[in-house]
Amino acid sequence: MKIIAGIVIGLGIIAGLFFLISDSSPSESSSANDINFTTIQSDLDKGSLLVDVRTAEEYSVGHIDKSVNLPLADIQTGIMPNSDKSQVIYVYCRSGNRSTQAKNLLEKAGFTNVIDLGAMTSVLAIGGTEVR
């Protein structure tokens, strides 16, 4: 009887752990996947930033309308957006690599609401418009 009770308790603990893991808060990247450009535009109208972290040369070839260029290299040297640290900042790049790095650096600098949109093609896919 004690063995059965031990097994039942053990299974209950394991089931509880699986529940906690599966019920944890979504990561920023998953919430970014749920966003649409209408939401971004609304946030931009309220003072949020849409930051292209590619090089100035890449930005000049084409970028998302209403974005500002702040290359990852600048962020790495300590140049940060001139923004309230609680303001929403959306970041994107060519492939998603630099935007992830930029998000991490901005958060380390104290920015609390940075959303990594990933690749520019992802921003276009959710309704962003490219300016050339």
C-alpha atoms as a PDB file:
ATOM      1  CA  MET A   1       0.000   0.000   0.000  1.00  0.00           C
ATOM      2  CA  LYS A   2       2.862   2.377   0.835  1.00  0.00           C
ATOM      3  CA  ILE A   3       4.447   1.618  -2.539  1.00  0.00           C
ATOM      4  CA  ILE A   4       1.239   2.502  -4.394  1.00  0.00           C
ATOM      5  CA  ALA A   5       0.861   5.718  -2.403  1.00  0.00           C
ATOM      6  CA  GLY A   6       4.480   6.622  -3.203  1.00  0.00           C
ATOM      7  CA  ILE A   7       3.931   5.993  -6.905  1.00  0.00           C
ATOM      8  CA  VAL A   8       0.738   8.092  -6.922  1.00  0.00           C
ATOM      9  CA  ILE A   9       2.485  10.960  -5.129  1.00  0.00           C
ATOM     10  CA  GLY A  10       5.476  10.733  -7.495  1.00  0.00           C
ATOM     11  CA  LEU A  11       3.230  10.788 -10.554  1.00  0.00           C
ATOM     12  CA  GLY A  12       1.352  13.759  -9.099  1.00  0.00           C
ATOM     13  CA  ILE A  13       4.588  15.678  -8.644  1.00  0.00           C
ATOM     14  CA  ILE A  14       5.726  14.873 -12.189  1.00  0.00           C
ATOM     15  CA  ALA A  15       2.343  15.901 -13.622  1.00  0.00           C
ATOM     16  CA  GLY A  16       2.498  19.139 -11.637  1.00  0.00           C
ATOM     17  CA  LEU A  17       5.947  19.931 -13.004  1.00  0.00           C
ATOM     18  CA  PHE A  18       4.782  19.352 -16.576  1.00  0.00           C
ATOM     19  CA  PHE A  19       1.805  21.631 -15.931  1.00  0.00           C
ATOM     20  CA  LEU A  20       4.043  24.394 -14.572  1.00  0.00           C
ATOM     21  CA  ILE A  21       6.441  24.148 -17.497  1.00  0.00           C
ATOM     22  CA  SER A  22       3.694  24.200 -20.118  1.00  0.00           C
ATOM     23  CA  ASP A  23       1.788  26.999 -18.359  1.00  0.00           C
ATOM     24  CA  SER A  24       4.735  29.374 -18.004  1.00  0.00           C
ATOM     25  CA  SER A  25       4.496  32.866 -19.446  1.00  0.00           C
ATOM     26  CA  PRO A  26       5.142  33.156 -23.174  1.00  0.00           C
ATOM     27  CA  SER A  27       8.511  34.497 -24.197  1.00  0.00           C
ATOM     28  CA  GLU A  28       8.926  37.827 -25.966  1.00  0.00           C
ATOM     29  CA  SER A  29       9.571  36.031 -29.232  1.00  0.00           C
ATOM     30  CA  SER A  30       6.244  34.186 -29.047  1.00  0.00           C
ATOM     31  CA  SER A  31       4.390  37.404 -28.216  1.00  0.00           C
ATOM     32  CA  ALA A  32       6.166  39.073 -31.143  1.00  0.00           C
ATOM     33  CA  ASN A  33       4.810  36.291 -33.364  1.00  0.00           C
ATOM     34  CA  ASP A  34       1.276  37.243 -32.306  1.00  0.00           C
ATOM     35  CA  ILE A  35       1.665  40.936 -33.122  1.00  0.00           C
ATOM     36  CA  ASN A  36       0.371  42.670 -36.250  1.00  0.00           C
ATOM     37  CA  PHE A  37       1.520  45.899 -37.838  1.00  0.00           C
ATOM     38  CA  THR A  38      -1.680  47.696 -36.845  1.00  0.00           C
ATOM     39  CA  THR A  39      -0.632  47.243 -33.208  1.00  0.00           C
ATOM     40  CA  ILE A  40       2.878  48.454 -33.990  1.00  0.00           C
ATOM     41  CA  GLN A  41       1.501  51.496 -35.843  1.00  0.00           C
ATOM     42  CA  SER A  42      -0.759  52.321 -32.899  1.00  0.00           C
ATOM     43  CA  ASP A  43       2.220  52.087 -30.539  1.00  0.00           C
ATOM     44  CA  LEU A  44       4.308  54.279 -32.861  1.00  0.00           C
ATOM     45  CA  ASP A  45       1.552  56.900 -32.781  1.00  0.00           C
ATOM     46  CA  LYS A  46       1.908  56.868 -28.971  1.00  0.00           C
ATOM     47  CA  GLY A  47       5.666  57.437 -29.087  1.00  0.00           C
ATOM     48  CA  SER A  48       7.080  53.938 -29.391  1.00  0.00           C
ATOM     49  CA  LEU A  49      10.083  53.293 -31.600  1.00  0.00           C
ATOM     50  CA  LEU A  50      10.586  50.947 -34.534  1.00  0.00           C
ATOM     51  CA  VAL A  51      14.349  50.462 -34.778  1.00  0.00           C
ATOM     52  CA  ASP A  52      16.187  48.959 -37.742  1.00  0.00           C
ATOM     53  CA  VAL A  53      19.489  47.684 -36.333  1.00  0.00           C
ATOM     54  CA  ARG A  54      21.087  46.978 -39.717  1.00  0.00           C
ATOM     55  CA  THR A  55      23.910  49.105 -41.091  1.00  0.00           C
ATOM     56  CA  ALA A  56      23.232  52.556 -42.544  1.00  0.00           C
ATOM     57  CA  GLU A  57      23.994  51.147 -45.993  1.00  0.00           C
ATOM     58  CA  GLU A  58      21.411  48.379 -45.620  1.00  0.00           C
ATOM     59  CA  TYR A  59      18.870  50.877 -44.271  1.00  0.00           C
ATOM     60  CA  SER A  60      19.391  53.213 -47.250  1.00  0.00           C
ATOM     61  CA  VAL A  61      18.587  50.412 -49.705  1.00  0.00           C
ATOM     62  CA  GLY A  62      15.210  49.791 -48.080  1.00  0.00           C
ATOM     63  CA  HIS A  63      13.616  49.845 -44.638  1.00  0.00           C
ATOM     64  CA  ILE A  64      10.249  49.619 -42.921  1.00  0.00           C
ATOM     65  CA  ASP A  65       8.236  52.844 -43.069  1.00  0.00           C
ATOM     66  CA  LYS A  66       8.422  54.865 -39.831  1.00  0.00           C
ATOM     67  CA  SER A  67      11.542  53.023 -38.645  1.00  0.00           C
ATOM     68  CA  VAL A  68      14.697  54.722 -37.432  1.00  0.00           C
ATOM     69  CA  ASN A  69      18.175  53.376 -38.037  1.00  0.00           C
ATOM     70  CA  LEU A  70      20.319  52.583 -35.018  1.00  0.00           C
ATOM     71  CA  PRO A  71      22.897  50.009 -36.133  1.00  0.00           C
ATOM     72  CA  LEU A  72      23.771  47.186 -33.773  1.00  0.00           C
ATOM     73  CA  ALA A  73      27.409  48.351 -33.887  1.00  0.00           C
ATOM     74  CA  ASP A  74      26.309  51.678 -32.360  1.00  0.00           C
ATOM     75  CA  ILE A  75      24.281  49.951 -29.651  1.00  0.00           C
ATOM     76  CA  GLN A  76      27.318  47.792 -28.874  1.00  0.00           C
ATOM     77  CA  THR A  77      29.352  50.964 -28.243  1.00  0.00           C
ATOM     78  CA  GLY A  78      26.733  52.328 -25.849  1.00  0.00           C
ATOM     79  CA  ILE A  79      24.663  54.534 -28.160  1.00  0.00           C
ATOM     80  CA  MET A  80      21.067  53.990 -27.065  1.00  0.00           C
ATOM     81  CA  PRO A  81      17.670  55.247 -28.240  1.00  0.00           C
ATOM     82  CA  ASN A  82      16.686  58.629 -26.868  1.00  0.00           C
ATOM     83  CA  SER A  83      13.573  57.216 -25.254  1.00  0.00           C
ATOM     84  CA  ASP A  84      11.969  56.578 -21.898  1.00  0.00           C
ATOM     85  CA  LYS A  85      13.286  53.200 -20.773  1.00  0.00           C
ATOM     86  CA  SER A  86       9.733  51.897 -20.287  1.00  0.00           C
ATOM     87  CA  GLN A  87       8.592  52.897 -23.797  1.00  0.00           C
ATOM     88  CA  VAL A  88       7.949  50.077 -26.267  1.00  0.00           C
ATOM     89  CA  ILE A  89      10.873  49.601 -28.655  1.00  0.00           C
ATOM     90  CA  TYR A  90      10.478  47.238 -31.602  1.00  0.00           C
ATOM     91  CA  VAL A  91      13.711  46.012 -33.206  1.00  0.00           C
ATOM     92  CA  TYR A  92      14.298  44.224 -36.502  1.00  0.00           C
ATOM     93  CA  CYS A  93      17.175  43.422 -38.864  1.00  0.00           C
ATOM     94  CA  ARG A  94      17.867  41.337 -41.965  1.00  0.00           C
ATOM     95  CA  SER A  95      17.713  37.827 -40.507  1.00  0.00           C
ATOM     96  CA  GLY A  96      16.799  38.150 -36.828  1.00  0.00           C
ATOM     97  CA  ASN A  97      20.314  37.656 -35.450  1.00  0.00           C
ATOM     98  CA  ARG A  98      21.243  41.307 -34.906  1.00  0.00           C
ATOM     99  CA  SER A  99      17.788  42.192 -33.592  1.00  0.00           C
ATOM    100  CA  THR A 100      18.135  39.498 -30.921  1.00  0.00           C
ATOM    101  CA  GLN A 101      21.536  40.881 -29.939  1.00  0.00           C
ATOM    102  CA  ALA A 102      20.145  44.431 -29.892  1.00  0.00           C
ATOM    103  CA  LYS A 103      17.202  43.380 -27.710  1.00  0.00           C
ATOM    104  CA  ASN A 104      19.571  41.786 -25.200  1.00  0.00           C
ATOM    105  CA  LEU A 105      21.847  44.854 -25.119  1.00  0.00           C
ATOM    106  CA  LEU A 106      18.931  47.259 -24.733  1.00  0.00           C
ATOM    107  CA  GLU A 107      17.521  45.206 -21.879  1.00  0.00           C
ATOM    108  CA  LYS A 108      20.935  45.163 -20.182  1.00  0.00           C
ATOM    109  CA  ALA A 109      20.936  48.973 -20.514  1.00  0.00           C
ATOM    110  CA  GLY A 110      17.634  49.136 -18.625  1.00  0.00           C
ATOM    111  CA  PHE A 111      15.037  49.253 -21.407  1.00  0.00           C
ATOM    112  CA  THR A 112      12.122  47.194 -20.136  1.00  0.00           C
ATOM    113  CA  ASN A 113       9.791  46.845 -23.113  1.00  0.00           C
ATOM    114  CA  VAL A 114      11.869  45.699 -26.091  1.00  0.00           C
ATOM    115  CA  ILE A 115      10.179  43.477 -28.662  1.00  0.00           C
ATOM    116  CA  ASP A 116      12.292  41.584 -31.175  1.00  0.00           C
ATOM    117  CA  LEU A 117      10.403  41.388 -34.466  1.00  0.00           C
ATOM    118  CA  GLY A 118      13.184  39.366 -36.075  1.00  0.00           C
ATOM    119  CA  ALA A 119      13.802  39.624 -39.796  1.00  0.00           C
ATOM    120  CA  MET A 120      12.616  42.486 -41.983  1.00  0.00           C
ATOM    121  CA  THR A 121      10.710  39.930 -44.071  1.00  0.00           C
ATOM    122  CA  SER A 122       8.742  39.016 -40.928  1.00  0.00           C
ATOM    123  CA  VAL A 123       7.779  42.667 -40.425  1.00  0.00           C
ATOM    124  CA  LEU A 124       6.673  42.881 -44.054  1.00  0.00           C
ATOM    125  CA  ALA A 125       4.651  39.674 -43.609  1.00  0.00           C
ATOM    126  CA  ILE A 126       2.617  41.211 -40.758  1.00  0.00           C
ATOM    127  CA  GLY A 127       1.792  44.344 -42.755  1.00  0.00           C
ATOM    128  CA  GLY A 128       4.835  46.607 -42.600  1.00  0.00           C
ATOM    129  CA  THR A 129       5.592  48.696 -45.689  1.00  0.00           C
ATOM    130  CA  GLU A 130       9.057  48.934 -47.198  1.00  0.00           C
ATOM    131  CA  VAL A 131      10.418  52.347 -48.155  1.00  0.00           C
ATOM    132  CA  ARG A 132      13.136  52.438 -50.815  1.00  0.00           C
END
